[in-house]
Structures are given as C-alpha cells and as structure tokens.
C-alpha cells in the first residue's frame, strides 16, 4: 500500500495512508470446505466497526467520533506514519476517543499507526515508532495498541517473515506492560489480503487481528480470494477454526457508493468471517481521510445488528 508521503508529498503534516491493496500471488486455489465462512449463528461475537482515521487531531472526522453512538470499537491514529511526535495534542485526542462507548458496552480502543514496509524495516526502526506512542513523556498510556501496516502475508523461508512480526508483537506487549501492567494490548497486522495461517499458529501468533481484505466496493464484490487465511496445501479458507473469539479478521472497503451498499458490504464482511469492518464512500488516493457520507452512527448501528 502507498502512504501519504508517497502519494501527496505536500501533506507532510498529515498521516500516512494505506491506499492500495498489496498484490499477492495466490496459492493453488483449493478452497477448504469452510471457505465460505461461518454463518452468523456460529459466530461468538457480532460485527464491530474499526476506523482508520488518517487525519490531523483537530480534523472534523476525529472530532465527531467520540460523540458517535454507538462508537466505533477501534480507531487508528496516524501522526505522519508515527514519525511525528505523539504529543499532547494527539494524546488528548486519543484520550477523548477512548472515553466513547461501543455497541458492546466497552470503550473505543485507539491504535497507533506503524509502517513495517513488508518486513524490510529493521526491528529497531519499527520499535522506535512503537515507543513514540507507548513510551510518552508523561509515562501514561494513551493508546491501546499498535497497527502494523504493510505487513507480510507469507511465512518466509524458515518462517522468517512470520517470526519478524511475532517479535514485534512481543515488543508491543512488553512496552505496554511496562507503562500499564493492567492494560489489554491490541496488535493488528495489515497485509491487506489473506494471510498465511502460520501467522495464527499457537505459540507464534503475530497479532490479535489481521486485516485480510482492503479494497474498493467493486473489489469486495468481485475480488474475494475465498478466505481470510491460506496455506499452500489447502488453499484459501475462512480461518474460523483459528478464530474462536470471532474477532481475528478485519475488512476495509472504500468507494462504497451509498448507505444501501454500505449495509450490504457489512453483511458480506460478516458472512466472510470478519469480526471488524469499515466501509466508506471516500475514494483513492486517500480513502480514510473523511467520515462516510452516511455518518459513522449509521454504520456502527447496522454492524451492531449482526450476531
């Protein structure tokens, strides 16, 4: 995916953006029997809205989120790919978002955006960006976890790519614990497409949640690979057996034309096994920089009806 720095060099004060789905070569397309995804009755949790809000802290998009009822379950904040200081202004915005109440009665969780360049950035660079959000000058926790963007989808030779992200997850967990031992950290990997099931292997799991679809409404209708996870023997499958909580997968959809299409997109995501979803009528190059035309509450209310 492309960032703001690649697509709009003039907007250096604005957050980075994941704009295009990572291209991936499919394994042999033998879909598992569970490839269609679990039906609603089998899902332990319903559907929750999780919003990438790649704007400045005073932007109307962020200002409106804390007053949305029900509020989104997750919001990503992005101060220039995490390289701009997560200062008092950003912290105050994060704190206001975390005070909002979701459809499940919990609080909105805020994630800090961190780029990983498909696993090519040195661990030290990525960890320093994590520290920008977690190890703040006031020694307080203002985020609930980290969103690792442009993550890998393949295991890599000897599981090297998988292990790179497993190490990052461990670092996030340690960093959060050092500041707030009672906190429940949340780590998200975003390959933007189906992920190899080695990433969810017990004992080596790299994230709590994986973005396994990122694309346009048209892509959602016609470009589904057949599952949230894959391996080269079984092909694509839903991943429900690896997701006992029903919250492991997140679908992001842009260029959805209207509220009717929004509801259909949410229904489709739920059928395909997503526990988190966000869809908007915003378009490329920057589809995550404005509230959807139908408003956040219309979307969160419909998601709350699922399951």
Protein backbone atom coordinates (compact mmCIF):
# COMPACT_ATOMS: atom_id res chain seq x y z
CA UNK A 1 0.00 0.00 0.00
CA UNK A 2 1.07 3.59 -0.55
CA UNK A 3 1.50 6.18 2.19
CA UNK A 4 0.71 9.88 2.20
CA UNK A 5 4.41 10.53 1.82
CA UNK A 6 4.43 8.66 -1.47
CA UNK A 7 1.19 9.99 -2.93
CA UNK A 8 0.95 13.52 -1.53
CA UNK A 9 4.41 14.86 -0.65
CA UNK A 10 2.99 18.31 0.14
CA UNK A 11 0.92 16.98 3.04
CA UNK A 12 3.87 16.24 5.30
CA UNK A 13 1.88 17.15 8.40
CA UNK A 14 -0.83 14.64 7.64
CA UNK A 15 -0.89 10.96 8.48
CA UNK A 16 0.18 8.17 6.15
CA UNK A 17 -2.38 6.26 4.18
CA UNK A 18 -2.73 2.71 3.06
CA UNK A 19 -4.21 3.29 -0.37
CA UNK A 20 -3.91 0.17 -2.44
CA UNK A 21 -4.23 -3.46 -1.58
CA UNK A 22 -0.99 -5.42 -1.58
CA UNK A 23 -0.75 -7.56 -4.67
CA UNK A 24 -0.32 -11.22 -3.87
CA UNK A 25 0.18 -14.37 -5.83
CA UNK A 26 -2.43 -16.92 -4.86
CA UNK A 27 -1.57 -20.45 -3.88
CA UNK A 28 -3.24 -23.28 -5.71
CA UNK A 29 -6.92 -22.37 -5.40
CA UNK A 30 -8.18 -25.37 -3.50
CA UNK A 31 -10.66 -23.88 -1.06
CA UNK A 32 -11.29 -25.56 2.27
CA UNK A 33 -14.84 -26.83 2.98
CA UNK A 34 -15.23 -23.94 5.44
CA UNK A 35 -14.12 -21.45 2.79
CA UNK A 36 -17.48 -19.64 2.66
CA UNK A 37 -17.04 -18.57 6.30
CA UNK A 38 -19.15 -19.36 9.38
CA UNK A 39 -22.80 -18.49 9.43
CA UNK A 40 -23.99 -15.85 11.89
CA UNK A 41 -25.36 -18.42 14.34
CA UNK A 42 -21.85 -19.89 14.70
CA UNK A 43 -20.15 -16.60 15.49
CA UNK A 44 -19.34 -15.96 19.17
CA UNK A 45 -19.20 -12.20 18.58
CA UNK A 46 -21.03 -9.87 16.24
CA UNK A 47 -19.56 -7.32 13.88
CA UNK A 48 -17.68 -4.23 15.08
CA UNK A 49 -16.66 -1.09 13.21
CA UNK A 50 -12.93 -0.22 13.22
CA UNK A 51 -11.96 3.08 11.59
CA UNK A 52 -8.63 4.19 10.09
CA UNK A 53 -8.73 7.96 10.68
CA UNK A 54 -5.69 9.30 8.87
CA UNK A 55 -6.14 12.99 9.58
CA UNK A 56 -4.78 15.65 11.92
CA UNK A 57 -6.05 15.56 15.52
CA UNK A 58 -8.33 18.59 15.07
CA UNK A 59 -9.96 17.31 11.88
CA UNK A 60 -13.80 17.06 11.89
CA UNK A 61 -13.53 13.33 11.17
CA UNK A 62 -11.89 12.73 14.54
CA UNK A 63 -13.90 15.38 16.36
CA UNK A 64 -17.14 13.59 15.50
CA UNK A 65 -16.08 10.09 16.52
CA UNK A 66 -16.26 10.45 20.34
CA UNK A 67 -19.91 11.56 20.09
CA UNK A 68 -20.96 8.71 17.77
CA UNK A 69 -23.49 6.35 19.36
CA UNK A 70 -22.59 3.56 19.32
CA UNK A 71 -18.94 4.49 18.93
CA UNK A 72 -16.54 2.51 16.74
CA UNK A 73 -14.69 -0.27 18.53
CA UNK A 74 -11.27 0.74 17.14
CA UNK A 75 -9.81 3.98 15.77
CA UNK A 76 -6.33 4.25 14.23
CA UNK A 77 -4.43 7.49 14.75
CA UNK A 78 -1.63 8.36 12.36
CA UNK A 79 0.78 11.24 13.05
CA UNK A 80 2.76 11.09 9.81
CA UNK A 81 3.37 7.32 9.83
CA UNK A 82 4.20 7.52 13.53
CA UNK A 83 7.31 9.62 12.91
CA UNK A 84 5.77 12.92 14.04
CA UNK A 85 5.75 13.27 17.82
CA UNK A 86 2.72 11.76 19.52
CA UNK A 87 2.50 14.94 21.58
CA UNK A 88 -0.03 16.40 23.99
CA UNK A 89 -2.46 17.35 21.22
CA UNK A 90 -2.51 13.83 19.83
CA UNK A 91 -2.69 12.35 23.32
CA UNK A 92 -5.71 14.47 24.19
CA UNK A 93 -7.47 13.32 21.04
CA UNK A 94 -6.68 9.70 21.85
CA UNK A 95 -8.00 10.12 25.39
CA UNK A 96 -11.27 11.60 24.13
CA UNK A 97 -11.76 8.72 21.70
CA UNK A 98 -11.08 6.14 24.42
CA UNK A 99 -13.89 7.60 26.55
CA UNK A 100 -16.58 6.72 23.98
CA UNK A 101 -18.88 3.70 24.45
CA UNK A 102 -19.24 0.97 21.81
CA UNK A 103 -22.23 -1.21 20.95
CA UNK A 104 -20.81 -3.94 23.21
CA UNK A 105 -20.65 -1.57 26.17
CA UNK A 106 -16.87 -1.29 26.12
CA UNK A 107 -14.68 1.67 25.25
CA UNK A 108 -13.20 2.58 21.90
CA UNK A 109 -9.66 1.30 21.57
CA UNK A 110 -7.08 3.55 19.93
CA UNK A 111 -4.17 2.20 17.91
CA UNK A 112 -1.03 3.97 16.76
CA UNK A 113 -0.06 3.56 13.12
CA UNK A 114 3.36 1.98 12.44
CA UNK A 115 4.71 1.17 8.98
CA UNK A 116 6.75 -2.02 8.52
CA UNK A 117 7.48 -1.83 4.75
CA UNK A 118 6.52 -5.50 4.31
CA UNK A 119 9.00 -6.61 6.94
CA UNK A 120 12.00 -4.83 5.39
CA UNK A 121 12.47 -2.17 8.07
CA UNK A 122 14.94 -3.06 10.83
CA UNK A 123 13.31 -4.04 14.09
CA UNK A 124 14.99 -1.10 15.81
CA UNK A 125 13.30 1.38 13.48
CA UNK A 126 9.86 -0.13 13.98
CA UNK A 127 10.32 -0.39 17.73
CA UNK A 128 11.28 3.27 17.94
CA UNK A 129 8.00 4.15 16.23
CA UNK A 130 6.11 1.95 18.69
CA UNK A 131 7.85 3.82 21.51
CA UNK A 132 6.59 7.13 20.09
CA UNK A 133 3.06 6.04 21.04
CA UNK A 134 3.68 3.99 24.16
CA UNK A 135 6.69 5.44 25.98
CA UNK A 136 5.40 9.02 26.33
CA UNK A 137 6.95 11.78 28.43
CA UNK A 138 4.10 11.69 30.95
CA UNK A 139 4.52 7.92 31.45
CA UNK A 140 0.83 7.34 30.78
CA UNK A 141 -0.75 5.04 28.21
CA UNK A 142 -2.80 6.96 25.64
CA UNK A 143 -3.20 4.12 23.11
CA UNK A 144 -4.40 0.56 23.42
CA UNK A 145 -2.03 -0.96 20.92
CA UNK A 146 -0.36 -0.74 17.55
CA UNK A 147 -1.49 -1.09 13.92
CA UNK A 148 1.38 -2.61 11.91
CA UNK A 149 0.78 -1.57 8.32
CA UNK A 150 2.24 -3.02 5.13
CA UNK A 151 2.82 -6.33 6.87
CA UNK A 152 3.86 -9.51 5.11
CA UNK A 153 1.39 -12.23 4.20
CA UNK A 154 3.74 -15.18 3.55
CA UNK A 155 5.60 -17.19 6.18
CA UNK A 156 9.01 -16.65 4.59
CA UNK A 157 11.91 -19.08 4.45
CA UNK A 158 12.02 -20.95 7.72
CA UNK A 159 9.10 -18.76 8.89
CA UNK A 160 11.45 -15.77 9.00
CA UNK A 161 8.79 -13.26 7.94
CA UNK A 162 6.29 -14.67 10.42
CA UNK A 163 8.88 -14.50 13.20
CA UNK A 164 9.70 -10.85 12.39
CA UNK A 165 6.10 -9.94 13.23
CA UNK A 166 5.96 -12.27 16.23
CA UNK A 167 8.96 -10.40 17.68
CA UNK A 168 7.22 -7.08 17.08
CA UNK A 169 4.09 -8.27 18.83
CA UNK A 170 6.19 -9.31 21.81
CA UNK A 171 7.82 -5.90 21.87
CA UNK A 172 4.45 -4.10 21.85
CA UNK A 173 3.22 -6.32 24.67
CA UNK A 174 6.31 -5.60 26.75
CA UNK A 175 6.17 -1.86 26.07
CA UNK A 176 2.51 -1.61 27.05
CA UNK A 177 3.02 -3.71 30.17
CA UNK A 178 5.91 -1.51 31.29
CA UNK A 179 3.62 1.53 31.30
CA UNK A 180 0.30 -0.02 32.33
CA UNK A 181 0.56 -3.62 33.60
CA UNK A 182 -3.22 -3.96 33.80
CA UNK A 183 -3.83 -2.93 30.17
CA UNK A 184 -5.00 -5.34 27.47
CA UNK A 185 -2.80 -4.55 24.48
CA UNK A 186 -4.07 -4.95 20.94
CA UNK A 187 -1.81 -5.65 17.95
CA UNK A 188 -3.07 -5.58 14.36
CA UNK A 189 -1.18 -6.76 11.25
CA UNK A 190 -2.31 -5.35 7.91
CA UNK A 191 -1.27 -7.40 4.88
CA UNK A 192 -4.45 -6.12 3.18
CA UNK A 193 -5.20 -9.60 1.86
CA UNK A 194 -5.46 -13.19 3.07
CA UNK A 195 -2.61 -14.12 5.39
CA UNK A 196 -0.75 -17.42 5.67
CA UNK A 197 -2.15 -19.43 8.54
CA UNK A 198 1.32 -19.74 10.11
CA UNK A 199 0.71 -16.20 11.41
CA UNK A 200 -2.09 -17.55 13.61
CA UNK A 201 -0.20 -20.65 14.74
CA UNK A 202 -0.48 -21.14 18.52
CA UNK A 203 2.71 -20.06 20.22
CA UNK A 204 3.79 -17.99 17.21
CA UNK A 205 0.78 -15.79 16.60
CA UNK A 206 1.85 -12.37 15.36
CA UNK A 207 -1.26 -10.29 16.06
CA UNK A 208 -4.66 -10.26 17.70
CA UNK A 209 -6.33 -9.05 14.50
CA UNK A 210 -5.40 -9.23 10.80
CA UNK A 211 -6.69 -7.01 8.01
CA UNK A 212 -7.40 -9.68 5.42
CA UNK A 213 -9.21 -7.52 2.87
CA UNK A 214 -8.52 -3.97 1.78
CA UNK A 215 -10.01 -2.72 -1.45
CA UNK A 216 -12.87 -0.97 -3.20
CA UNK A 217 -16.52 -1.89 -3.09
CA UNK A 218 -16.12 -3.37 -6.56
CA UNK A 219 -13.15 -5.43 -5.36
CA UNK A 220 -15.22 -6.64 -2.43
CA UNK A 221 -17.92 -7.84 -4.78
CA UNK A 222 -15.64 -9.48 -7.33
CA UNK A 223 -12.12 -9.86 -5.97
CA UNK A 224 -12.54 -12.05 -2.89
CA UNK A 225 -9.85 -14.74 -2.83
CA UNK A 226 -12.00 -17.24 -0.95
CA UNK A 227 -10.88 -16.84 2.64
CA UNK A 228 -9.09 -14.84 5.30
CA UNK A 229 -6.18 -17.28 5.54
CA UNK A 230 -4.39 -19.74 3.29
CA UNK A 231 -1.74 -22.37 3.12
CA UNK A 232 -0.20 -23.92 0.05
CA UNK A 233 -1.77 -27.33 0.68
CA UNK A 234 -5.36 -26.34 1.50
CA UNK A 235 -5.59 -23.07 -0.43
CA UNK A 236 -7.81 -20.31 0.93
CA UNK A 237 -10.22 -20.88 3.80
CA UNK A 238 -12.24 -18.79 6.23
CA UNK A 239 -9.96 -19.19 9.23
CA UNK A 240 -12.87 -19.73 11.60
CA UNK A 241 -11.09 -22.66 13.26
CA UNK A 242 -8.23 -20.30 14.13
CA UNK A 243 -10.57 -17.60 15.42
CA UNK A 244 -12.50 -18.82 18.49
CA UNK A 245 -13.37 -15.24 19.54
CA UNK A 246 -14.74 -14.24 16.12
CA UNK A 247 -12.51 -11.13 16.18
CA UNK A 248 -9.38 -12.14 14.26
CA UNK A 249 -10.20 -10.60 10.87
CA UNK A 250 -10.86 -7.04 9.73
CA UNK A 251 -12.09 -5.91 6.30
CA UNK A 252 -11.54 -2.37 4.96
CA UNK A 253 -13.61 -1.22 1.98
CA UNK A 254 -13.58 2.16 0.24
CA UNK A 255 -15.52 3.64 -2.70
CA UNK A 256 -18.84 2.23 -1.46
CA UNK A 257 -21.49 4.35 -3.19
CA UNK A 258 -24.28 4.78 -0.63
CA UNK A 259 -25.82 3.62 2.64
CA UNK A 260 -27.60 0.70 0.99
CA UNK A 261 -24.31 -0.57 -0.41
CA UNK A 262 -22.70 0.06 2.98
CA UNK A 263 -25.16 -2.28 4.68
CA UNK A 264 -24.64 -4.93 2.01
CA UNK A 265 -20.85 -4.62 2.40
CA UNK A 266 -21.08 -5.08 6.17
CA UNK A 267 -23.31 -8.10 5.67
CA UNK A 268 -20.82 -9.58 3.20
CA UNK A 269 -17.87 -9.00 5.53
CA UNK A 270 -19.69 -10.71 8.37
CA UNK A 271 -20.58 -13.68 6.18
CA UNK A 272 -16.92 -13.98 5.21
CA UNK A 273 -15.82 -14.21 8.83
CA UNK A 274 -14.81 -10.63 9.60
CA UNK A 275 -15.15 -9.52 13.20
CA UNK A 276 -14.22 -5.94 12.33
CA UNK A 277 -15.15 -3.89 9.29
CA UNK A 278 -15.14 -0.37 7.95
CA UNK A 279 -16.55 0.89 4.69
CA UNK A 280 -16.74 4.41 3.31
CA UNK A 281 -17.73 6.31 0.19
CA UNK A 282 -14.35 8.05 0.32
CA UNK A 283 -12.12 7.26 -2.66
CA UNK A 284 -8.47 6.89 -3.65
CA UNK A 285 -5.89 8.26 -3.37
CA UNK A 286 -6.84 8.90 0.26
CA UNK A 287 -9.92 6.88 1.26
CA UNK A 288 -9.52 7.22 5.03
CA UNK A 289 -9.46 11.00 5.46
CA UNK A 290 -13.17 11.84 5.86
CA UNK A 291 -16.26 10.48 7.54
CA UNK A 292 -18.55 8.41 5.29
CA UNK A 293 -21.41 10.33 3.73
CA UNK A 294 -23.98 8.34 5.73
CA UNK A 295 -22.25 9.12 9.03
CA UNK A 296 -20.48 6.84 11.47
CA UNK A 297 -23.57 6.13 13.61
CA UNK A 298 -25.49 4.65 10.67
CA UNK A 299 -22.65 2.21 10.12
CA UNK A 300 -22.00 1.29 13.73
CA UNK A 301 -25.73 0.79 14.33
CA UNK A 302 -26.02 -1.64 11.40
CA UNK A 303 -22.92 -3.55 12.47
CA UNK A 304 -24.44 -3.96 15.96
CA UNK A 305 -27.36 -5.90 14.42
CA UNK A 306 -25.04 -8.68 13.23
CA UNK A 307 -24.80 -11.59 15.58
